[in-house]
Protein backbone atom coordinates (compact mmCIF):
# COMPACT_ATOMS: atom_id res chain seq x y z
CA MET A 1 15.23 -0.41 35.90
CA THR A 2 13.67 1.69 33.15
CA THR A 3 15.38 3.61 30.37
CA THR A 4 14.71 6.92 28.71
CA GLU A 5 13.96 7.13 25.00
CA ASP A 6 17.49 8.37 24.24
CA GLU A 7 19.08 5.53 26.20
CA ARG A 8 16.89 2.92 24.50
CA ALA A 9 18.67 3.07 21.13
CA GLU A 10 22.09 2.95 22.79
CA GLN A 11 21.15 -0.02 24.94
CA LEU A 12 19.64 -1.94 22.03
CA ALA A 13 22.88 -1.43 20.09
CA ALA A 14 25.07 -2.40 23.05
CA ALA A 15 23.05 -5.58 23.60
CA GLY A 16 23.18 -6.49 19.90
CA LEU A 17 19.42 -6.23 19.47
CA ASP A 18 19.39 -3.49 16.83
CA GLY A 19 20.15 -5.72 13.85
CA GLN A 20 20.22 -9.30 12.65
CA ASN A 21 22.71 -12.06 13.47
CA ARG A 22 24.03 -10.47 16.63
CA LEU A 23 22.51 -11.45 19.98
CA ALA A 24 19.38 -12.70 18.21
CA LEU A 25 18.88 -14.23 14.77
CA GLY A 26 16.50 -11.43 13.81
CA ARG A 27 15.63 -7.96 14.95
CA LEU A 28 13.69 -7.33 18.15
CA LEU A 29 10.09 -6.37 17.30
CA GLY A 30 9.18 -2.76 17.98
CA SER A 31 12.78 -1.53 18.04
CA GLY A 32 12.59 0.71 14.97
CA THR A 33 12.29 4.46 14.68
CA ILE A 34 9.18 6.65 14.55
CA GLY A 35 8.25 8.62 11.44
CA TYR A 36 5.44 10.96 10.45
CA ALA A 37 3.46 11.17 7.22
CA GLU A 38 3.06 14.53 5.51
CA GLU A 39 -0.19 15.72 4.01
CA GLY A 40 0.02 17.08 0.47
CA PRO A 41 -2.14 19.88 -0.98
CA ASP A 42 -4.33 17.18 -2.53
CA GLY A 43 -5.15 15.76 0.92
CA VAL A 44 -3.14 12.56 0.39
CA LEU A 45 -0.82 11.54 3.22
CA ARG A 46 2.65 10.54 2.01
CA ALA A 47 5.62 8.80 3.61
CA THR A 48 8.73 6.85 2.65
CA ILE A 49 9.61 3.54 4.29
CA ARG A 50 13.01 1.89 3.77
CA ILE A 51 14.39 -1.57 4.37
CA PRO A 52 18.04 -0.84 5.28
CA GLU A 53 20.73 -3.27 4.16
CA ASP A 54 21.25 -6.22 6.53
CA GLU A 55 18.92 -4.85 9.23
CA ILE A 56 15.65 -6.79 8.59
CA CYS A 57 13.40 -3.90 9.59
CA TYR A 58 11.27 -1.17 8.11
CA GLU A 59 12.49 2.36 8.84
CA PRO A 60 10.55 3.99 10.27
CA GLY A 61 9.17 1.00 12.15
CA ILE A 62 6.23 3.08 13.37
CA LEU A 63 4.55 5.53 11.00
CA ILE A 64 2.23 8.10 12.61
CA LEU A 65 -0.57 9.80 10.68
CA PRO A 66 -2.66 12.67 12.05
CA HIS A 67 -5.88 11.28 10.55
CA GLY A 68 -7.14 8.57 8.24
CA GLY A 69 -7.70 8.78 4.51
CA ASP A 70 -5.76 8.09 1.34
CA ILE A 71 -2.11 7.21 1.95
CA GLU A 72 0.70 6.91 -0.57
CA LEU A 73 3.70 4.96 0.67
CA THR A 74 7.02 4.84 -1.16
CA LEU A 75 8.82 1.64 -0.15
CA ILE A 76 12.54 1.29 -0.82
CA ASN A 77 14.43 -1.98 -0.43
CA ASP A 78 18.12 -1.18 0.15
CA ASP A 79 18.79 -4.79 1.16
CA LYS A 80 20.60 -7.46 -0.87
CA ASN A 81 17.59 -9.77 -0.42
CA THR A 82 14.10 -9.70 -1.88
CA HIS A 83 11.32 -8.64 0.50
CA CYS A 84 7.72 -7.52 0.26
CA ALA A 85 5.09 -5.63 2.20
CA VAL A 86 1.53 -6.80 2.86
CA LEU A 87 -0.18 -3.53 3.77
CA PRO A 88 -3.57 -3.01 5.40
CA SER A 89 -6.16 -1.13 3.37
CA ASN A 90 -9.93 -0.75 3.51
CA GLY A 91 -11.37 -3.56 1.46
CA ASP A 92 -8.40 -5.80 0.69
CA PRO A 93 -4.78 -5.71 1.83
CA LYS A 94 -2.25 -4.47 -0.72
CA PHE A 95 0.84 -6.46 -1.67
CA ILE A 96 4.03 -4.93 -3.03
CA TRP A 97 7.00 -7.05 -4.09
CA LEU A 98 10.43 -5.49 -3.58
CA VAL A 99 13.36 -7.21 -5.25
CA ASN A 100 16.78 -6.27 -3.93
CA HIS A 101 17.69 -2.59 -4.41
CA SER A 102 14.25 -1.63 -5.72
CA LYS A 103 11.58 0.99 -5.07
CA GLY A 104 7.81 0.89 -5.32
CA THR A 105 4.71 2.88 -4.44
CA ALA A 106 1.61 1.58 -2.68
CA LYS A 107 -1.67 3.49 -2.47
CA ILE A 108 -3.85 2.45 0.45
CA ASN A 109 -6.87 3.80 2.29
CA LEU A 110 -7.31 3.62 6.05
CA ASP A 111 -10.20 5.81 7.14
CA GLY A 112 -10.36 5.12 10.87
CA PRO A 113 -8.05 5.81 13.79
CA GLY A 114 -6.14 2.90 15.24
CA THR A 115 -3.01 0.82 14.91
CA TYR A 116 -2.49 -1.20 11.74
CA TYR A 117 0.30 -3.72 11.30
CA TYR A 118 2.11 -4.87 8.18
CA GLY A 119 5.00 -7.16 7.36
CA SER A 120 6.94 -9.09 4.75
CA ALA A 121 5.38 -12.47 4.02
CA SER A 122 8.37 -13.81 2.07
CA GLY A 123 10.62 -16.38 3.73
CA ASN A 124 10.69 -15.91 7.49
CA ASP A 125 11.00 -12.11 7.29
CA GLU A 126 8.24 -11.41 9.81
CA GLY A 127 9.68 -13.94 12.24
CA ARG A 128 13.03 -12.20 11.95
CA GLY A 129 11.55 -8.75 12.68
CA LEU A 130 10.47 -7.29 9.34
CA THR A 131 7.22 -5.84 10.66
CA GLY A 132 5.93 -2.32 10.99
CA SER A 133 2.93 -0.38 12.18
CA ILE A 134 0.85 2.55 11.01
CA VAL A 135 -0.76 4.52 13.84
CA ILE A 136 -3.62 6.82 12.89
CA GLY A 137 -4.99 9.51 15.19
CA GLY A 138 -8.11 11.58 14.84
CA GLU A 139 -11.77 10.81 15.21
CA VAL A 140 -13.84 7.91 13.97
CA PRO A 141 -15.72 8.82 10.76
CA ASP A 142 -19.38 9.70 11.34
CA HIS A 143 -20.60 6.67 9.38
CA ALA A 144 -18.72 4.35 11.75
CA LYS A 145 -19.79 5.90 15.06
CA LEU A 146 -22.06 3.98 17.35
CA ASP A 147 -25.43 5.42 18.29
CA ARG A 148 -24.78 5.90 22.02
CA PRO A 149 -24.23 8.71 24.51
CA PRO A 150 -20.88 10.51 24.52
CA GLN A 151 -18.18 8.57 26.38
CA PRO A 152 -15.65 10.03 28.82
CA ARG A 153 -12.32 10.86 27.18
CA PRO A 154 -8.90 11.01 28.83
C-alpha cells in the first residue's frame, strides 16, 4: 500500500516515527519537511533551518535551491541540548556549533547541481536522525562540463 504526501505526515505521527523516544529511539531519516531558499537582490540564496525542541531533526529536513552559488544559512537551535551542523561547501566543509537555544549563520558555496547532505557530529545526533539535505537544481557550470556530445534529457 502506498500513501499520498498528505497522508505521510499523519501516518508518521500515528506510528510514533515523527519524533524521538516514541516507536524508535531517534527520528526516522528523511521524514522532515521541505523548504525553499530565497534569492536576495545580491544573488545570495538564503534560508533558515531550525532544530525544534525534543525532535532531533532539522526543519526543513530538505532544502531546495533553484541553482548553485553562495548560500547563507541561519541555523537556530530551539532544543535543550547542544548540537552542531557540518555543512558541505566547495573547498572545505563548514562547522557551526549551536549551544542550546542559540542561533548562528553559516556562509557556504555550492556551485553545482546535486544533493548534498549534512548532519550534527556531536554525540549520536546523526544516528538519532539529525541529518538534512540540500538539493540544488539548475545546470552544471561551464567549467565543470565534460567535453562530449549532448546527452538525452528526460
